[in-house]
Amino acid sequence: MPTAFITGITGQDGRHLAEFLHGRGYRVCGMMKGQHNPRAEMLRDELPFVEVVPGDLNDLTSLVKAIEQVQPDEFYNLGAISFVAMSFNQAELTANVTGLGVLRALEAVRIVGGPQNNPIRFYQASSSEMFGKVREVPQNELTPFHPRSPYGVAKVFGHHITVNYRESYGLYACSGILFNHEGPKRGLEFVTRKITNTAARIKLGVDRELVLGNLDAKRDWGYAGDYVKAMWLMLQQDQPDDYVIATGETHSVEEFLELTFEQLGMGDWRPYVRQDPKFFRPAEVDLLIGDPTKAREQLGWRPEVGFRELVAMMVEHDLAYESARLRR
């Protein structure tokens, strides 16, 4: 039975990945920070098969001890301060966790399971936010980075240090440059889930309006459940490498709104939506669209859930979720 170690186990991707790996017969261990983490109960209820291991991306010693305890075959580093808007307000924390946390994770892997010991295959969650003010359309593995947020800058450091440890120490270390990937497990603070959840609450008469920022921003949106399979595929290759994971399509926030309200049978979204400057980024990323050719040709990966299906899935979930809350 192979063993996987996941940081960020309570996030959207961590939970999807844990389910996927468990289904493939893995022993799944998830790192959790803090003695009384409020998400521990949620994790036990949703993923009772996950073995919880204490650790912190801010603490190298704890990472070394966690890896020594688990002895994983695969290490998936999904832990990060991942909300872009928050990174502007807490830039130093973002740099420490999302950037330097990758360095600590790699160093722990090198110490415990370097090429001469029991080799651990390492996956780093890179991000399309690294492209920021894009230099070319679409973006591929060779497109230069120009991050436009502290989160994007931290992710660039994490990406490059992963390449550095691969080339310097011979670690099996990959980076997945994942474009936006969503689903019902997405946090309510993210714009896609904010749209589907608030629209469902408006439909049910709980809320009256949806307040958003830039409606013109365009993103390459896929389904998180598809994207975690790509993470796993990267660690099954003979040689480590970096891959863009995307759908190759771009849609605006306004398009996401239109489909959401259409799915709910509410017609025009405009009477319900108000824009507020406080939700605009200090430096906006206007257009992201990935070129997943390398992943398709070398990994055999392709997305299975389309944009319209993704929106419908999220709307259906949030309508059921909010209806159940009303009945309680």
C-alpha atoms as a PDB file:
ATOM      1  CA  MET A   1       0.000   0.000   0.000  1.00  0.00           C
ATOM      2  CA  PRO A   2       1.615   3.305  -1.068  1.00  0.00           C
ATOM      3  CA  THR A   3       1.522   6.173   1.424  1.00  0.00           C
ATOM      4  CA  ALA A   4       0.704   9.788   0.577  1.00  0.00           C
ATOM      5  CA  PHE A   5       1.355  12.791   2.823  1.00  0.00           C
ATOM      6  CA  ILE A   6      -0.743  15.907   2.132  1.00  0.00           C
ATOM      7  CA  THR A   7      -0.349  19.424   3.502  1.00  0.00           C
ATOM      8  CA  GLY A   8      -3.433  21.599   3.145  1.00  0.00           C
ATOM      9  CA  ILE A   9      -5.558  18.494   3.758  1.00  0.00           C
ATOM     10  CA  THR A  10      -8.607  20.510   4.883  1.00  0.00           C
ATOM     11  CA  GLY A  11      -8.703  22.695   1.756  1.00  0.00           C
ATOM     12  CA  GLN A  12     -10.624  22.042  -1.433  1.00  0.00           C
ATOM     13  CA  ASP A  13      -7.761  20.311  -3.241  1.00  0.00           C
ATOM     14  CA  GLY A  14      -6.583  18.398  -0.189  1.00  0.00           C
ATOM     15  CA  ARG A  15      -9.991  16.831   0.348  1.00  0.00           C
ATOM     16  CA  HIS A  16     -10.437  15.971  -3.330  1.00  0.00           C
ATOM     17  CA  LEU A  17      -6.941  14.494  -3.490  1.00  0.00           C
ATOM     18  CA  ALA A  18      -7.451  12.455  -0.310  1.00  0.00           C
ATOM     19  CA  GLU A  19     -10.621  10.915  -1.758  1.00  0.00           C
ATOM     20  CA  PHE A  20      -8.906  10.190  -5.066  1.00  0.00           C
ATOM     21  CA  LEU A  21      -5.858   8.543  -3.488  1.00  0.00           C
ATOM     22  CA  HIS A  22      -7.953   6.549  -1.013  1.00  0.00           C
ATOM     23  CA  GLY A  23      -9.906   5.217  -3.973  1.00  0.00           C
ATOM     24  CA  ARG A  24      -6.650   4.027  -5.490  1.00  0.00           C
ATOM     25  CA  GLY A  25      -5.678   2.095  -2.371  1.00  0.00           C
ATOM     26  CA  TYR A  26      -3.345   4.627  -0.763  1.00  0.00           C
ATOM     27  CA  ARG A  27      -2.763   5.133   2.928  1.00  0.00           C
ATOM     28  CA  VAL A  28      -3.503   8.853   3.246  1.00  0.00           C
ATOM     29  CA  CYS A  29      -1.913  11.046   5.920  1.00  0.00           C
ATOM     30  CA  GLY A  30      -2.801  14.713   6.267  1.00  0.00           C
ATOM     31  CA  MET A  31      -0.863  17.369   8.123  1.00  0.00           C
ATOM     32  CA  MET A  32      -2.823  19.647  10.438  1.00  0.00           C
ATOM     33  CA  LYS A  33      -1.559  22.649  12.344  1.00  0.00           C
ATOM     34  CA  GLY A  34      -2.518  23.326  15.952  1.00  0.00           C
ATOM     35  CA  GLN A  35      -3.611  21.259  18.931  1.00  0.00           C
ATOM     36  CA  HIS A  36      -7.305  22.168  18.657  1.00  0.00           C
ATOM     37  CA  ASN A  37      -7.749  22.887  14.958  1.00  0.00           C
ATOM     38  CA  PRO A  38     -11.435  23.732  14.354  1.00  0.00           C
ATOM     39  CA  ARG A  39     -11.357  21.846  11.030  1.00  0.00           C
ATOM     40  CA  ALA A  40     -10.350  18.548  12.623  1.00  0.00           C
ATOM     41  CA  GLU A  41     -13.938  17.486  13.265  1.00  0.00           C
ATOM     42  CA  MET A  42     -14.966  18.311   9.684  1.00  0.00           C
ATOM     43  CA  LEU A  43     -12.077  16.224   8.386  1.00  0.00           C
ATOM     44  CA  ARG A  44     -12.971  13.253  10.613  1.00  0.00           C
ATOM     45  CA  ASP A  45     -16.597  13.372   9.468  1.00  0.00           C
ATOM     46  CA  GLU A  46     -15.876  13.766   5.762  1.00  0.00           C
ATOM     47  CA  LEU A  47     -12.663  11.737   5.425  1.00  0.00           C
ATOM     48  CA  PRO A  48     -12.500   9.267   8.334  1.00  0.00           C
ATOM     49  CA  PHE A  49      -9.751   7.257   6.615  1.00  0.00           C
ATOM     50  CA  VAL A  50      -7.227  10.139   6.788  1.00  0.00           C
ATOM     51  CA  GLU A  51      -4.506   9.798   9.427  1.00  0.00           C
ATOM     52  CA  VAL A  52      -3.955  13.249  10.931  1.00  0.00           C
ATOM     53  CA  VAL A  53      -0.330  14.180  11.603  1.00  0.00           C
ATOM     54  CA  PRO A  54       0.742  17.356  13.460  1.00  0.00           C
ATOM     55  CA  GLY A  55       2.973  19.784  11.622  1.00  0.00           C
ATOM     56  CA  ASP A  56       3.412  23.347  10.416  1.00  0.00           C
ATOM     57  CA  LEU A  57       4.881  24.769   7.204  1.00  0.00           C
ATOM     58  CA  ASN A  58       6.434  27.508   9.374  1.00  0.00           C
ATOM     59  CA  ASP A  59       8.421  24.943  11.378  1.00  0.00           C
ATOM     60  CA  LEU A  60      11.074  22.785   9.688  1.00  0.00           C
ATOM     61  CA  THR A  61      11.542  20.540  12.725  1.00  0.00           C
ATOM     62  CA  SER A  62       7.857  19.615  12.767  1.00  0.00           C
ATOM     63  CA  LEU A  63       7.988  18.793   9.050  1.00  0.00           C
ATOM     64  CA  VAL A  64      10.998  16.524   9.514  1.00  0.00           C
ATOM     65  CA  LYS A  65       9.272  14.718  12.383  1.00  0.00           C
ATOM     66  CA  ALA A  66       6.055  14.339  10.389  1.00  0.00           C
ATOM     67  CA  ILE A  67       7.868  12.799   7.411  1.00  0.00           C
ATOM     68  CA  GLU A  68       9.882  10.502   9.670  1.00  0.00           C
ATOM     69  CA  GLN A  69       6.645   9.331  11.276  1.00  0.00           C
ATOM     70  CA  VAL A  70       4.694   8.816   8.064  1.00  0.00           C
ATOM     71  CA  GLN A  71       7.481   7.571   5.750  1.00  0.00           C
ATOM     72  CA  PRO A  72       5.515   8.630   2.654  1.00  0.00           C
ATOM     73  CA  ASP A  73       6.106   7.555  -0.909  1.00  0.00           C
ATOM     74  CA  GLU A  74       4.520  10.779  -2.162  1.00  0.00           C
ATOM     75  CA  PHE A  75       4.389  14.263  -0.616  1.00  0.00           C
ATOM     76  CA  TYR A  76       1.746  16.680  -1.926  1.00  0.00           C
ATOM     77  CA  ASN A  77       2.381  20.243  -0.743  1.00  0.00           C
ATOM     78  CA  LEU A  78      -0.996  21.942  -1.059  1.00  0.00           C
ATOM     79  CA  GLY A  79      -0.748  24.027   2.117  1.00  0.00           C
ATOM     80  CA  ALA A  80      -0.694  27.796   1.572  1.00  0.00           C
ATOM     81  CA  ILE A  81      -2.298  31.135   2.321  1.00  0.00           C
ATOM     82  CA  SER A  82      -4.320  30.709  -0.855  1.00  0.00           C
ATOM     83  CA  PHE A  83      -6.787  33.616  -0.921  1.00  0.00           C
ATOM     84  CA  VAL A  84      -5.323  36.288  -3.203  1.00  0.00           C
ATOM     85  CA  ALA A  85      -7.214  39.207  -1.640  1.00  0.00           C
ATOM     86  CA  MET A  86      -5.990  38.234   1.822  1.00  0.00           C
ATOM     87  CA  SER A  87      -2.396  38.188   0.590  1.00  0.00           C
ATOM     88  CA  PHE A  88      -2.471  41.961   0.054  1.00  0.00           C
ATOM     89  CA  ASN A  89      -3.452  42.481   3.706  1.00  0.00           C
ATOM     90  CA  GLN A  90      -1.139  39.807   5.118  1.00  0.00           C
ATOM     91  CA  ALA A  91       1.773  39.862   2.702  1.00  0.00           C
ATOM     92  CA  GLU A  92       4.448  38.774   5.183  1.00  0.00           C
ATOM     93  CA  LEU A  93       2.403  35.800   6.400  1.00  0.00           C
ATOM     94  CA  THR A  94       1.715  34.815   2.787  1.00  0.00           C
ATOM     95  CA  ALA A  95       5.414  34.986   1.930  1.00  0.00           C
ATOM     96  CA  ASN A  96       6.315  32.887   4.957  1.00  0.00           C
ATOM     97  CA  VAL A  97       3.758  30.117   4.453  1.00  0.00           C
ATOM     98  CA  THR A  98       3.155  30.071   0.700  1.00  0.00           C
ATOM     99  CA  GLY A  99       6.771  30.825  -0.241  1.00  0.00           C
ATOM    100  CA  LEU A 100       9.205  29.801   2.480  1.00  0.00           C
ATOM    101  CA  GLY A 101       6.913  26.944   3.500  1.00  0.00           C
ATOM    102  CA  VAL A 102       7.823  25.231   0.234  1.00  0.00           C
ATOM    103  CA  LEU A 103      11.521  25.573   1.020  1.00  0.00           C
ATOM    104  CA  ARG A 104      10.998  24.007   4.444  1.00  0.00           C
ATOM    105  CA  ALA A 105       8.964  21.146   2.963  1.00  0.00           C
ATOM    106  CA  LEU A 106      11.635  20.424   0.360  1.00  0.00           C
ATOM    107  CA  GLU A 107      14.399  20.593   2.938  1.00  0.00           C
ATOM    108  CA  ALA A 108      12.519  18.135   5.150  1.00  0.00           C
ATOM    109  CA  VAL A 109      12.120  15.777   2.198  1.00  0.00           C
ATOM    110  CA  ARG A 110      15.827  16.119   1.381  1.00  0.00           C
ATOM    111  CA  ILE A 111      16.815  15.352   4.981  1.00  0.00           C
ATOM    112  CA  VAL A 112      14.531  12.361   5.475  1.00  0.00           C
ATOM    113  CA  GLY A 113      14.058  10.934   2.007  1.00  0.00           C
ATOM    114  CA  GLY A 114      16.716  12.225  -0.357  1.00  0.00           C
ATOM    115  CA  PRO A 115      17.927  10.225  -3.369  1.00  0.00           C
ATOM    116  CA  GLN A 116      20.288   8.161  -1.204  1.00  0.00           C
ATOM    117  CA  ASN A 117      17.629   7.203   1.358  1.00  0.00           C
ATOM    118  CA  ASN A 118      14.020   6.271   0.687  1.00  0.00           C
ATOM    119  CA  PRO A 119      13.163   8.599  -2.233  1.00  0.00           C
ATOM    120  CA  ILE A 120      10.011  10.636  -1.680  1.00  0.00           C
ATOM    121  CA  ARG A 121       8.252  12.041  -4.729  1.00  0.00           C
ATOM    122  CA  PHE A 122       7.290  15.678  -4.121  1.00  0.00           C
ATOM    123  CA  TYR A 123       4.474  17.694  -5.679  1.00  0.00           C
ATOM    124  CA  GLN A 124       4.323  21.490  -5.370  1.00  0.00           C
ATOM    125  CA  ALA A 125       1.060  23.326  -6.002  1.00  0.00           C
ATOM    126  CA  SER A 126       2.103  26.173  -8.270  1.00  0.00           C
ATOM    127  CA  SER A 127      -0.478  28.609  -9.630  1.00  0.00           C
ATOM    128  CA  SER A 128      -1.560  30.460 -12.752  1.00  0.00           C
ATOM    129  CA  GLU A 129      -1.400  33.612 -10.587  1.00  0.00           C
ATOM    130  CA  MET A 130       2.360  33.458 -11.183  1.00  0.00           C
ATOM    131  CA  PHE A 131       1.724  34.659 -14.761  1.00  0.00           C
ATOM    132  CA  GLY A 132      -0.151  37.735 -13.510  1.00  0.00           C
ATOM    133  CA  LYS A 133       0.283  40.437 -16.130  1.00  0.00           C
ATOM    134  CA  VAL A 134       0.555  37.894 -18.906  1.00  0.00           C
ATOM    135  CA  ARG A 135       3.313  38.104 -21.495  1.00  0.00           C
ATOM    136  CA  GLU A 136       1.609  35.774 -23.981  1.00  0.00           C
ATOM    137  CA  VAL A 137      -1.748  34.102 -24.604  1.00  0.00           C
ATOM    138  CA  PRO A 138      -2.266  31.267 -23.860  1.00  0.00           C
ATOM    139  CA  GLN A 139       0.244  30.595 -21.066  1.00  0.00           C
ATOM    140  CA  ASN A 140       2.404  27.461 -21.073  1.00  0.00           C
ATOM    141  CA  GLU A 141       5.318  26.059 -19.067  1.00  0.00           C
ATOM    142  CA  LEU A 142       7.785  28.470 -20.713  1.00  0.00           C
ATOM    143  CA  THR A 143       5.749  31.678 -20.367  1.00  0.00           C
ATOM    144  CA  PRO A 144       7.610  34.250 -18.195  1.00  0.00           C
ATOM    145  CA  PHE A 145       6.111  35.074 -14.816  1.00  0.00           C
ATOM    146  CA  HIS A 146       4.886  38.545 -13.816  1.00  0.00           C
ATOM    147  CA  PRO A 147       2.937  38.072 -10.563  1.00  0.00           C
ATOM    148  CA  ARG A 148       0.503  40.797  -9.507  1.00  0.00           C
ATOM    149  CA  SER A 149      -0.113  39.918  -5.855  1.00  0.00           C
ATOM    150  CA  PRO A 150       1.905  38.849  -2.805  1.00  0.00           C
ATOM    151  CA  TYR A 151       0.315  35.417  -3.270  1.00  0.00           C
ATOM    152  CA  GLY A 152       1.573  35.215  -6.859  1.00  0.00           C
ATOM    153  CA  VAL A 153       5.054  36.371  -5.834  1.00  0.00           C
ATOM    154  CA  ALA A 154       5.207  33.734  -3.068  1.00  0.00           C
ATOM    155  CA  LYS A 155       4.088  31.055  -5.511  1.00  0.00           C
ATOM    156  CA  VAL A 156       6.865  32.062  -7.935  1.00  0.00           C
ATOM    157  CA  PHE A 157       9.412  31.542  -5.159  1.00  0.00           C
ATOM    158  CA  GLY A 158       7.874  28.150  -4.328  1.00  0.00           C
ATOM    159  CA  HIS A 159       7.976  27.153  -7.975  1.00  0.00           C
ATOM    160  CA  HIS A 160      11.591  28.138  -8.530  1.00  0.00           C
ATOM    161  CA  ILE A 161      12.847  26.592  -5.283  1.00  0.00           C
ATOM    162  CA  THR A 162      11.194  23.332  -6.322  1.00  0.00           C
ATOM    163  CA  VAL A 163      13.083  23.405  -9.608  1.00  0.00           C
ATOM    164  CA  ASN A 164      16.256  24.297  -7.707  1.00  0.00           C
ATOM    165  CA  TYR A 165      15.996  21.319  -5.333  1.00  0.00           C
ATOM    166  CA  ARG A 166      15.282  19.015  -8.265  1.00  0.00           C
ATOM    167  CA  GLU A 167      18.357  20.201 -10.128  1.00  0.00           C
ATOM    168  CA  SER A 168      20.658  20.654  -7.125  1.00  0.00           C
ATOM    169  CA  TYR A 169      19.845  17.586  -5.025  1.00  0.00           C
ATOM    170  CA  GLY A 170      18.309  15.169  -7.495  1.00  0.00           C
ATOM    171  CA  LEU A 171      14.929  15.149  -5.753  1.00  0.00           C
ATOM    172  CA  TYR A 172      11.913  13.879  -7.623  1.00  0.00           C
ATOM    173  CA  ALA A 173      10.097  17.225  -7.397  1.00  0.00           C
ATOM    174  CA  CYS A 174       7.336  18.458  -9.702  1.00  0.00           C
ATOM    175  CA  SER A 175       5.286  21.627  -9.912  1.00  0.00           C
ATOM    176  CA  GLY A 176       1.747  21.663 -11.235  1.00  0.00           C
ATOM    177  CA  ILE A 177       0.910  25.122 -12.587  1.00  0.00           C
ATOM    178  CA  LEU A 178      -2.807  24.812 -11.997  1.00  0.00           C
ATOM    179  CA  PHE A 179      -5.219  27.333 -13.426  1.00  0.00           C
ATOM    180  CA  ASN A 180      -8.406  28.173 -11.523  1.00  0.00           C
ATOM    181  CA  HIS A 181     -10.203  25.045 -10.401  1.00  0.00           C
ATOM    182  CA  GLU A 182     -13.453  25.140  -8.504  1.00  0.00           C
ATOM    183  CA  GLY A 183     -16.232  23.005  -7.108  1.00  0.00           C
ATOM    184  CA  PRO A 184     -18.673  22.602  -4.204  1.00  0.00           C
ATOM    185  CA  LYS A 185     -15.754  22.175  -1.776  1.00  0.00           C
ATOM    186  CA  ARG A 186     -14.428  25.658  -2.625  1.00  0.00           C
ATOM    187  CA  GLY A 187     -14.332  28.126   0.277  1.00  0.00           C
ATOM    188  CA  LEU A 188     -17.106  30.723   0.438  1.00  0.00           C
ATOM    189  CA  GLU A 189     -14.566  33.565   0.209  1.00  0.00           C
ATOM    190  CA  PHE A 190     -13.626  32.660  -3.380  1.00  0.00           C
ATOM    191  CA  VAL A 191     -15.571  34.485  -6.094  1.00  0.00           C
ATOM    192  CA  THR A 192     -17.059  31.418  -7.804  1.00  0.00           C
ATOM    193  CA  ARG A 193     -18.469  29.907  -4.617  1.00  0.00           C
ATOM    194  CA  LYS A 194     -19.491  33.367  -3.383  1.00  0.00           C
ATOM    195  CA  ILE A 195     -21.568  33.734  -6.561  1.00  0.00           C
ATOM    196  CA  THR A 196     -23.269  30.332  -6.459  1.00  0.00           C
ATOM    197  CA  ASN A 197     -23.882  30.385  -2.707  1.00  0.00           C
ATOM    198  CA  THR A 198     -25.225  33.947  -2.492  1.00  0.00           C
ATOM    199  CA  ALA A 199     -27.367  33.474  -5.605  1.00  0.00           C
ATOM    200  CA  ALA A 200     -28.886  30.364  -4.008  1.00  0.00           C
ATOM    201  CA  ARG A 201     -29.598  32.372  -0.847  1.00  0.00           C
ATOM    202  CA  ILE A 202     -31.263  35.112  -2.938  1.00  0.00           C
ATOM    203  CA  LYS A 203     -33.367  32.445  -4.673  1.00  0.00           C
ATOM    204  CA  LEU A 204     -34.475  31.169  -1.251  1.00  0.00           C
ATOM    205  CA  GLY A 205     -35.233  34.665   0.051  1.00  0.00           C
ATOM    206  CA  VAL A 206     -32.411  34.719   2.590  1.00  0.00           C
ATOM    207  CA  ASP A 207     -30.252  37.404   0.917  1.00  0.00           C
ATOM    208  CA  ARG A 208     -31.181  40.338  -1.319  1.00  0.00           C
ATOM    209  CA  GLU A 209     -27.974  41.191  -3.157  1.00  0.00           C
ATOM    210  CA  LEU A 210     -24.593  39.877  -4.259  1.00  0.00           C
ATOM    211  CA  VAL A 211     -21.670  42.283  -3.899  1.00  0.00           C
ATOM    212  CA  LEU A 212     -18.669  41.712  -6.193  1.00  0.00           C
ATOM    213  CA  GLY A 213     -15.599  43.435  -7.601  1.00  0.00           C
ATOM    214  CA  ASN A 214     -14.317  43.225 -11.172  1.00  0.00           C
ATOM    215  CA  LEU A 215     -16.805  41.431 -13.442  1.00  0.00           C
ATOM    216  CA  ASP A 216     -14.579  41.652 -16.520  1.00  0.00           C
ATOM    217  CA  ALA A 217     -11.709  39.493 -15.191  1.00  0.00           C
ATOM    218  CA  LYS A 218     -11.304  36.354 -17.301  1.00  0.00           C
ATOM    219  CA  ARG A 219     -10.167  33.006 -15.956  1.00  0.00           C
ATOM    220  CA  ASP A 220      -9.564  29.470 -17.167  1.00  0.00           C
ATOM    221  CA  TRP A 221     -11.942  27.584 -14.851  1.00  0.00           C
ATOM    222  CA  GLY A 222     -11.951  23.807 -14.393  1.00  0.00           C
ATOM    223  CA  TYR A 223     -13.220  21.278 -11.849  1.00  0.00           C
ATOM    224  CA  ALA A 224     -10.974  20.572  -8.857  1.00  0.00           C
ATOM    225  CA  GLY A 225     -11.840  16.860  -8.920  1.00  0.00           C
ATOM    226  CA  ASP A 226     -10.294  16.605 -12.397  1.00  0.00           C
ATOM    227  CA  TYR A 227      -7.188  18.559 -11.431  1.00  0.00           C
ATOM    228  CA  VAL A 228      -6.109  16.387  -8.495  1.00  0.00           C
ATOM    229  CA  LYS A 229      -5.797  13.441 -10.883  1.00  0.00           C
ATOM    230  CA  ALA A 230      -3.218  15.493 -12.789  1.00  0.00           C
ATOM    231  CA  MET A 231      -1.244  15.983  -9.564  1.00  0.00           C
ATOM    232  CA  TRP A 232      -1.095  12.235  -9.051  1.00  0.00           C
ATOM    233  CA  LEU A 233      -0.166  11.565 -12.681  1.00  0.00           C
ATOM    234  CA  MET A 234       2.842  13.897 -12.401  1.00  0.00           C
ATOM    235  CA  LEU A 235       4.307  11.742  -9.633  1.00  0.00           C
ATOM    236  CA  GLN A 236       3.856   8.531 -11.647  1.00  0.00           C
ATOM    237  CA  GLN A 237       6.212   9.553 -14.470  1.00  0.00           C
ATOM    238  CA  ASP A 238       9.755   8.236 -14.891  1.00  0.00           C
ATOM    239  CA  GLN A 239      11.229  11.740 -14.655  1.00  0.00           C
ATOM    240  CA  PRO A 240      10.002  14.775 -12.683  1.00  0.00           C
ATOM    241  CA  ASP A 241       8.832  17.813 -14.626  1.00  0.00           C
ATOM    242  CA  ASP A 242       6.475  20.808 -14.455  1.00  0.00           C
ATOM    243  CA  TYR A 243       3.086  20.976 -16.148  1.00  0.00           C
ATOM    244  CA  VAL A 244       0.363  23.517 -16.872  1.00  0.00           C
ATOM    245  CA  ILE A 245      -3.050  22.117 -15.915  1.00  0.00           C
ATOM    246  CA  ALA A 246      -5.932  24.001 -17.520  1.00  0.00           C
ATOM    247  CA  THR A 247      -8.967  23.669 -19.787  1.00  0.00           C
ATOM    248  CA  GLY A 248      -7.675  25.952 -22.540  1.00  0.00           C
ATOM    249  CA  GLU A 249     -10.882  28.031 -22.359  1.00  0.00           C
ATOM    250  CA  THR A 250     -11.458  31.400 -20.709  1.00  0.00           C
ATOM    251  CA  HIS A 251     -14.637  32.854 -19.226  1.00  0.00           C
ATOM    252  CA  SER A 252     -15.376  36.134 -17.455  1.00  0.00           C
ATOM    253  CA  VAL A 253     -16.843  36.587 -13.998  1.00  0.00           C
ATOM    254  CA  GLU A 254     -19.896  38.024 -15.762  1.00  0.00           C
ATOM    255  CA  GLU A 255     -20.320  34.778 -17.727  1.00  0.00           C
ATOM    256  CA  PHE A 256     -20.147  32.828 -14.473  1.00  0.00           C
ATOM    257  CA  LEU A 257     -22.887  35.097 -13.096  1.00  0.00           C
ATOM    258  CA  GLU A 258     -25.096  34.622 -16.151  1.00  0.00           C
ATOM    259  CA  LEU A 259     -24.898  30.847 -15.990  1.00  0.00           C
ATOM    260  CA  THR A 260     -25.514  30.797 -12.246  1.00  0.00           C
ATOM    261  CA  PHE A 261     -28.723  32.841 -12.427  1.00  0.00           C
ATOM    262  CA  GLU A 262     -29.813  30.931 -15.528  1.00  0.00           C
ATOM    263  CA  GLN A 263     -29.350  27.643 -13.649  1.00  0.00           C
ATOM    264  CA  LEU A 264     -31.497  28.977 -10.795  1.00  0.00           C
ATOM    265  CA  GLY A 265     -34.231  30.132 -13.207  1.00  0.00           C
ATOM    266  CA  MET A 266     -33.894  33.727 -12.016  1.00  0.00           C
ATOM    267  CA  GLY A 267     -33.364  35.475 -15.356  1.00  0.00           C
ATOM    268  CA  ASP A 268     -31.243  38.620 -15.489  1.00  0.00           C
ATOM    269  CA  TRP A 269     -28.592  38.813 -12.741  1.00  0.00           C
ATOM    270  CA  ARG A 270     -28.196  42.611 -12.866  1.00  0.00           C
ATOM    271  CA  PRO A 271     -31.001  43.550 -10.409  1.00  0.00           C
ATOM    272  CA  TYR A 272     -29.311  41.426  -7.747  1.00  0.00           C
ATOM    273  CA  VAL A 273     -25.625  42.349  -8.199  1.00  0.00           C
ATOM    274  CA  ARG A 274     -23.753  45.410  -6.949  1.00  0.00           C
ATOM    275  CA  GLN A 275     -20.101  46.194  -7.583  1.00  0.00           C
ATOM    276  CA  ASP A 276     -18.015  47.570  -4.716  1.00  0.00           C
ATOM    277  CA  PRO A 277     -14.520  49.051  -5.225  1.00  0.00           C
ATOM    278  CA  LYS A 278     -13.287  47.361  -2.017  1.00  0.00           C
ATOM    279  CA  PHE A 279     -13.396  44.038  -3.843  1.00  0.00           C
ATOM    280  CA  PHE A 280     -11.125  45.225  -6.659  1.00  0.00           C
ATOM    281  CA  ARG A 281      -7.492  44.128  -6.413  1.00  0.00           C
ATOM    282  CA  PRO A 282      -4.756  46.785  -6.126  1.00  0.00           C
ATOM    283  CA  ALA A 283      -3.167  45.137  -9.198  1.00  0.00           C
ATOM    284  CA  GLU A 284      -5.596  43.123 -11.293  1.00  0.00           C
ATOM    285  CA  VAL A 285      -4.924  40.004 -13.340  1.00  0.00           C
ATOM    286  CA  ASP A 286      -7.149  40.523 -16.378  1.00  0.00           C
ATOM    287  CA  LEU A 287      -6.794  37.384 -18.475  1.00  0.00           C
ATOM    288  CA  LEU A 288      -5.601  33.872 -17.697  1.00  0.00           C
ATOM    289  CA  ILE A 289      -5.890  30.999 -20.142  1.00  0.00           C
ATOM    290  CA  GLY A 290      -3.658  27.942 -20.030  1.00  0.00           C
ATOM    291  CA  ASP A 291      -2.206  25.701 -22.703  1.00  0.00           C
ATOM    292  CA  PRO A 292      -2.435  22.124 -21.348  1.00  0.00           C
ATOM    293  CA  THR A 293      -0.832  20.508 -24.401  1.00  0.00           C
ATOM    294  CA  LYS A 294       2.145  19.098 -22.482  1.00  0.00           C
ATOM    295  CA  ALA A 295      -0.082  17.539 -19.815  1.00  0.00           C
ATOM    296  CA  ARG A 296      -2.334  16.051 -22.477  1.00  0.00           C
ATOM    297  CA  GLU A 297       0.546  14.578 -24.491  1.00  0.00           C
ATOM    298  CA  GLN A 298       2.849  13.422 -21.686  1.00  0.00           C
ATOM    299  CA  LEU A 299       0.429  12.629 -18.843  1.00  0.00           C
ATOM    300  CA  GLY A 300      -2.593  11.626 -20.887  1.00  0.00           C
ATOM    301  CA  TRP A 301      -4.626  14.088 -18.821  1.00  0.00           C
ATOM    302  CA  ARG A 302      -7.609  16.083 -19.989  1.00  0.00           C
ATOM    303  CA  PRO A 303     -10.479  17.775 -18.089  1.00  0.00           C
ATOM    304  CA  GLU A 304     -13.741  15.859 -17.946  1.00  0.00           C
ATOM    305  CA  VAL A 305     -16.105  18.505 -16.511  1.00  0.00           C
ATOM    306  CA  GLY A 306     -16.881  21.491 -18.735  1.00  0.00           C
ATOM    307  CA  PHE A 307     -17.567  25.079 -17.659  1.00  0.00           C
ATOM    308  CA  ARG A 308     -21.360  24.847 -17.857  1.00  0.00           C
ATOM    309  CA  GLU A 309     -21.335  21.526 -15.974  1.00  0.00           C
ATOM    310  CA  LEU A 310     -19.099  23.020 -13.285  1.00  0.00           C
ATOM    311  CA  VAL A 311     -21.430  25.958 -12.665  1.00  0.00           C
ATOM    312  CA  ALA A 312     -24.471  23.649 -12.592  1.00  0.00           C
ATOM    313  CA  MET A 313     -22.735  21.352 -10.090  1.00  0.00           C
ATOM    314  CA  MET A 314     -21.901  24.243  -7.754  1.00  0.00           C
ATOM    315  CA  VAL A 315     -25.373  25.803  -8.013  1.00  0.00           C
ATOM    316  CA  GLU A 316     -27.098  22.489  -7.331  1.00  0.00           C
ATOM    317  CA  HIS A 317     -24.903  21.894  -4.283  1.00  0.00           C
ATOM    318  CA  ASP A 318     -25.410  25.364  -2.810  1.00  0.00           C
ATOM    319  CA  LEU A 319     -29.165  25.329  -3.365  1.00  0.00           C
ATOM    320  CA  ALA A 320     -29.400  22.008  -1.512  1.00  0.00           C
ATOM    321  CA  TYR A 321     -26.955  23.206   1.162  1.00  0.00           C
ATOM    322  CA  GLU A 322     -28.817  26.434   1.906  1.00  0.00           C
ATOM    323  CA  SER A 323     -32.228  24.718   1.743  1.00  0.00           C
ATOM    324  CA  ALA A 324     -31.054  22.207   4.354  1.00  0.00           C
ATOM    325  CA  ARG A 325     -29.827  25.050   6.583  1.00  0.00           C
ATOM    326  CA  LEU A 326     -33.246  26.705   6.410  1.00  0.00           C
ATOM    327  CA  ARG A 327     -34.958  23.497   7.496  1.00  0.00           C
ATOM    328  CA  ARG A 328     -32.798  23.165  10.611  1.00  0.00           C
END
